[in-house]
Amino acid sequence: MDPDNLTDLEKKHLPVVTAPDRVKAGEWFDVTVEVGKLMAHPNEQGHFIRFIDLYAGDKYLARLSLATGTTWPVLRTRVRLSKHLGPLRALDVCNLHGAWEGVKTIEVV
């Protein structure tokens, strides 16, 4: 996937992670993951996002499970990291097009 030349399919499915570039160890910060931010993803009976998972490196942080047609695929949470574990990684699963991953590099100081 070329981030500078995404296809429409990629734009609809790529989870976009929004968070600070730098955070202080042990302090809470906001993280938002949005599927369909670059191009709206259908949210209907036959085509929907099942869930969004959030990780720091390989450490599991959160999951948002979604109901068909009644929810929009946006995960918002507060996170506290005591040390750098790797980039924030978001994984979403579409019932038709499988798993997609978005990454946001952050520095924990």
C-alpha atoms as a PDB file:
ATOM      1  CA  MET A   1       0.000   0.000   0.000  1.00  0.00           C
ATOM      2  CA  ASP A   2       1.363   3.391  -1.029  1.00  0.00           C
ATOM      3  CA  PRO A   3       0.190   5.969   1.579  1.00  0.00           C
ATOM      4  CA  ASP A   4       0.571   8.773  -0.959  1.00  0.00           C
ATOM      5  CA  ASN A   5      -1.547   7.030  -3.593  1.00  0.00           C
ATOM      6  CA  LEU A   6      -4.322   5.098  -1.840  1.00  0.00           C
ATOM      7  CA  THR A   7      -7.041   3.368  -3.820  1.00  0.00           C
ATOM      8  CA  ASP A   8     -10.699   3.993  -2.975  1.00  0.00           C
ATOM      9  CA  LEU A   9     -10.833   0.547  -1.336  1.00  0.00           C
ATOM     10  CA  GLU A  10      -7.865   1.455   0.881  1.00  0.00           C
ATOM     11  CA  LYS A  11      -9.341   4.873   1.741  1.00  0.00           C
ATOM     12  CA  LYS A  12     -12.593   3.235   2.883  1.00  0.00           C
ATOM     13  CA  HIS A  13     -10.922   0.600   5.062  1.00  0.00           C
ATOM     14  CA  LEU A  14      -7.687   2.080   6.416  1.00  0.00           C
ATOM     15  CA  PRO A  15      -8.028   2.905  10.131  1.00  0.00           C
ATOM     16  CA  VAL A  16      -6.678   6.416  10.706  1.00  0.00           C
ATOM     17  CA  VAL A  17      -5.057   6.830  14.139  1.00  0.00           C
ATOM     18  CA  THR A  18      -5.041  10.333  15.617  1.00  0.00           C
ATOM     19  CA  ALA A  19      -2.878  10.910  18.704  1.00  0.00           C
ATOM     20  CA  PRO A  20      -0.085  13.226  19.838  1.00  0.00           C
ATOM     21  CA  ASP A  21       3.336  12.702  18.262  1.00  0.00           C
ATOM     22  CA  ARG A  22       4.932  12.799  21.714  1.00  0.00           C
ATOM     23  CA  VAL A  23       3.503  11.857  25.112  1.00  0.00           C
ATOM     24  CA  LYS A  24       4.846  11.921  28.647  1.00  0.00           C
ATOM     25  CA  ALA A  25       5.292   8.517  30.303  1.00  0.00           C
ATOM     26  CA  GLY A  26       2.495   7.795  32.769  1.00  0.00           C
ATOM     27  CA  GLU A  27       0.206  10.600  31.575  1.00  0.00           C
ATOM     28  CA  TRP A  28      -3.154  10.057  29.886  1.00  0.00           C
ATOM     29  CA  PHE A  29      -3.630  11.098  26.270  1.00  0.00           C
ATOM     30  CA  ASP A  30      -6.467  10.856  23.766  1.00  0.00           C
ATOM     31  CA  VAL A  31      -6.481   8.437  20.859  1.00  0.00           C
ATOM     32  CA  THR A  32      -9.049   8.310  18.065  1.00  0.00           C
ATOM     33  CA  VAL A  33      -9.243   5.617  15.407  1.00  0.00           C
ATOM     34  CA  GLU A  34     -11.607   6.233  12.512  1.00  0.00           C
ATOM     35  CA  VAL A  35     -12.395   3.896   9.651  1.00  0.00           C
ATOM     36  CA  GLY A  36     -13.746   5.748   6.642  1.00  0.00           C
ATOM     37  CA  LYS A  37     -12.126   9.052   7.558  1.00  0.00           C
ATOM     38  CA  LEU A  38     -10.484   9.287   4.137  1.00  0.00           C
ATOM     39  CA  MET A  39     -13.586   8.038   2.290  1.00  0.00           C
ATOM     40  CA  ALA A  40     -16.839   6.918   3.903  1.00  0.00           C
ATOM     41  CA  HIS A  41     -17.156   3.195   4.485  1.00  0.00           C
ATOM     42  CA  PRO A  42     -20.592   1.633   3.906  1.00  0.00           C
ATOM     43  CA  ASN A  43     -22.349   0.685   7.098  1.00  0.00           C
ATOM     44  CA  GLU A  44     -25.147  -1.574   5.971  1.00  0.00           C
ATOM     45  CA  GLN A  45     -26.311  -5.136   6.459  1.00  0.00           C
ATOM     46  CA  GLY A  46     -24.127  -6.556   3.694  1.00  0.00           C
ATOM     47  CA  HIS A  47     -20.990  -4.446   4.215  1.00  0.00           C
ATOM     48  CA  PHE A  48     -19.772  -3.234   7.591  1.00  0.00           C
ATOM     49  CA  ILE A  49     -16.848  -3.010  10.017  1.00  0.00           C
ATOM     50  CA  ARG A  50     -17.039  -5.740  12.674  1.00  0.00           C
ATOM     51  CA  PHE A  51     -14.573  -4.242  15.166  1.00  0.00           C
ATOM     52  CA  ILE A  52     -11.573  -1.979  15.727  1.00  0.00           C
ATOM     53  CA  ASP A  53      -8.635  -3.055  17.925  1.00  0.00           C
ATOM     54  CA  LEU A  54      -5.970  -0.712  19.290  1.00  0.00           C
ATOM     55  CA  TYR A  55      -2.426  -1.728  20.257  1.00  0.00           C
ATOM     56  CA  ALA A  56       0.778  -0.042  21.411  1.00  0.00           C
ATOM     57  CA  GLY A  57       3.334  -2.169  19.621  1.00  0.00           C
ATOM     58  CA  ASP A  58       2.078  -5.687  20.389  1.00  0.00           C
ATOM     59  CA  LYS A  59       0.341  -4.704  23.654  1.00  0.00           C
ATOM     60  CA  TYR A  60      -3.445  -4.873  23.354  1.00  0.00           C
ATOM     61  CA  LEU A  61      -5.170  -1.684  24.570  1.00  0.00           C
ATOM     62  CA  ALA A  62      -8.812  -1.639  23.469  1.00  0.00           C
ATOM     63  CA  ARG A  63     -11.532  -3.057  21.239  1.00  0.00           C
ATOM     64  CA  LEU A  64     -14.677  -1.482  19.858  1.00  0.00           C
ATOM     65  CA  SER A  65     -17.248  -3.990  18.595  1.00  0.00           C
ATOM     66  CA  LEU A  66     -19.782  -2.597  16.150  1.00  0.00           C
ATOM     67  CA  ALA A  67     -23.372  -3.463  15.310  1.00  0.00           C
ATOM     68  CA  THR A  68     -24.419  -3.511  11.668  1.00  0.00           C
ATOM     69  CA  GLY A  69     -26.041  -0.336  10.398  1.00  0.00           C
ATOM     70  CA  THR A  70     -26.482   1.356  13.784  1.00  0.00           C
ATOM     71  CA  THR A  71     -22.936   2.434  14.650  1.00  0.00           C
ATOM     72  CA  TRP A  72     -20.154   4.374  12.932  1.00  0.00           C
ATOM     73  CA  PRO A  73     -16.605   2.936  13.087  1.00  0.00           C
ATOM     74  CA  VAL A  74     -14.851   5.407  15.410  1.00  0.00           C
ATOM     75  CA  LEU A  75     -12.969   4.354  18.545  1.00  0.00           C
ATOM     76  CA  ARG A  76     -12.141   7.103  21.055  1.00  0.00           C
ATOM     77  CA  THR A  77     -10.267   6.373  24.251  1.00  0.00           C
ATOM     78  CA  ARG A  78      -7.659   7.671  26.676  1.00  0.00           C
ATOM     79  CA  VAL A  79      -4.394   5.783  26.989  1.00  0.00           C
ATOM     80  CA  ARG A  80      -1.518   5.878  29.456  1.00  0.00           C
ATOM     81  CA  LEU A  81       1.842   4.339  28.577  1.00  0.00           C
ATOM     82  CA  SER A  82       4.662   3.953  31.089  1.00  0.00           C
ATOM     83  CA  LYS A  83       7.264   3.425  28.371  1.00  0.00           C
ATOM     84  CA  HIS A  84       7.660   3.203  24.625  1.00  0.00           C
ATOM     85  CA  LEU A  85       6.116  -0.047  23.372  1.00  0.00           C
ATOM     86  CA  GLY A  86       6.174   0.724  19.670  1.00  0.00           C
ATOM     87  CA  PRO A  87       3.793   2.600  17.407  1.00  0.00           C
ATOM     88  CA  LEU A  88       0.070   2.820  18.005  1.00  0.00           C
ATOM     89  CA  ARG A  89      -1.498   0.219  15.729  1.00  0.00           C
ATOM     90  CA  ALA A  90      -5.162   0.001  14.830  1.00  0.00           C
ATOM     91  CA  LEU A  91      -6.704  -3.048  13.215  1.00  0.00           C
ATOM     92  CA  ASP A  92     -10.195  -3.126  11.764  1.00  0.00           C
ATOM     93  CA  VAL A  93     -12.048  -6.022  10.190  1.00  0.00           C
ATOM     94  CA  CYS A  94     -14.553  -5.570   7.375  1.00  0.00           C
ATOM     95  CA  ASN A  95     -17.005  -8.409   6.811  1.00  0.00           C
ATOM     96  CA  LEU A  96     -16.243  -8.351   3.052  1.00  0.00           C
ATOM     97  CA  HIS A  97     -12.664  -7.113   2.739  1.00  0.00           C
ATOM     98  CA  GLY A  98     -10.928  -8.538   5.807  1.00  0.00           C
ATOM     99  CA  ALA A  99      -8.363  -6.950   8.103  1.00  0.00           C
ATOM    100  CA  TRP A 100      -6.741  -3.535   7.646  1.00  0.00           C
ATOM    101  CA  GLU A 101      -4.042  -1.875   9.735  1.00  0.00           C
ATOM    102  CA  GLY A 102      -3.191   1.761  10.392  1.00  0.00           C
ATOM    103  CA  VAL A 103      -0.116   2.926  12.309  1.00  0.00           C
ATOM    104  CA  LYS A 104       0.784   6.113  14.188  1.00  0.00           C
ATOM    105  CA  THR A 105       4.319   6.561  15.492  1.00  0.00           C
ATOM    106  CA  ILE A 106       4.498   8.167  18.923  1.00  0.00           C
ATOM    107  CA  GLU A 107       7.359   8.958  21.243  1.00  0.00           C
ATOM    108  CA  VAL A 108       7.023   8.282  24.984  1.00  0.00           C
ATOM    109  CA  VAL A 109       9.349  10.493  27.024  1.00  0.00           C
END
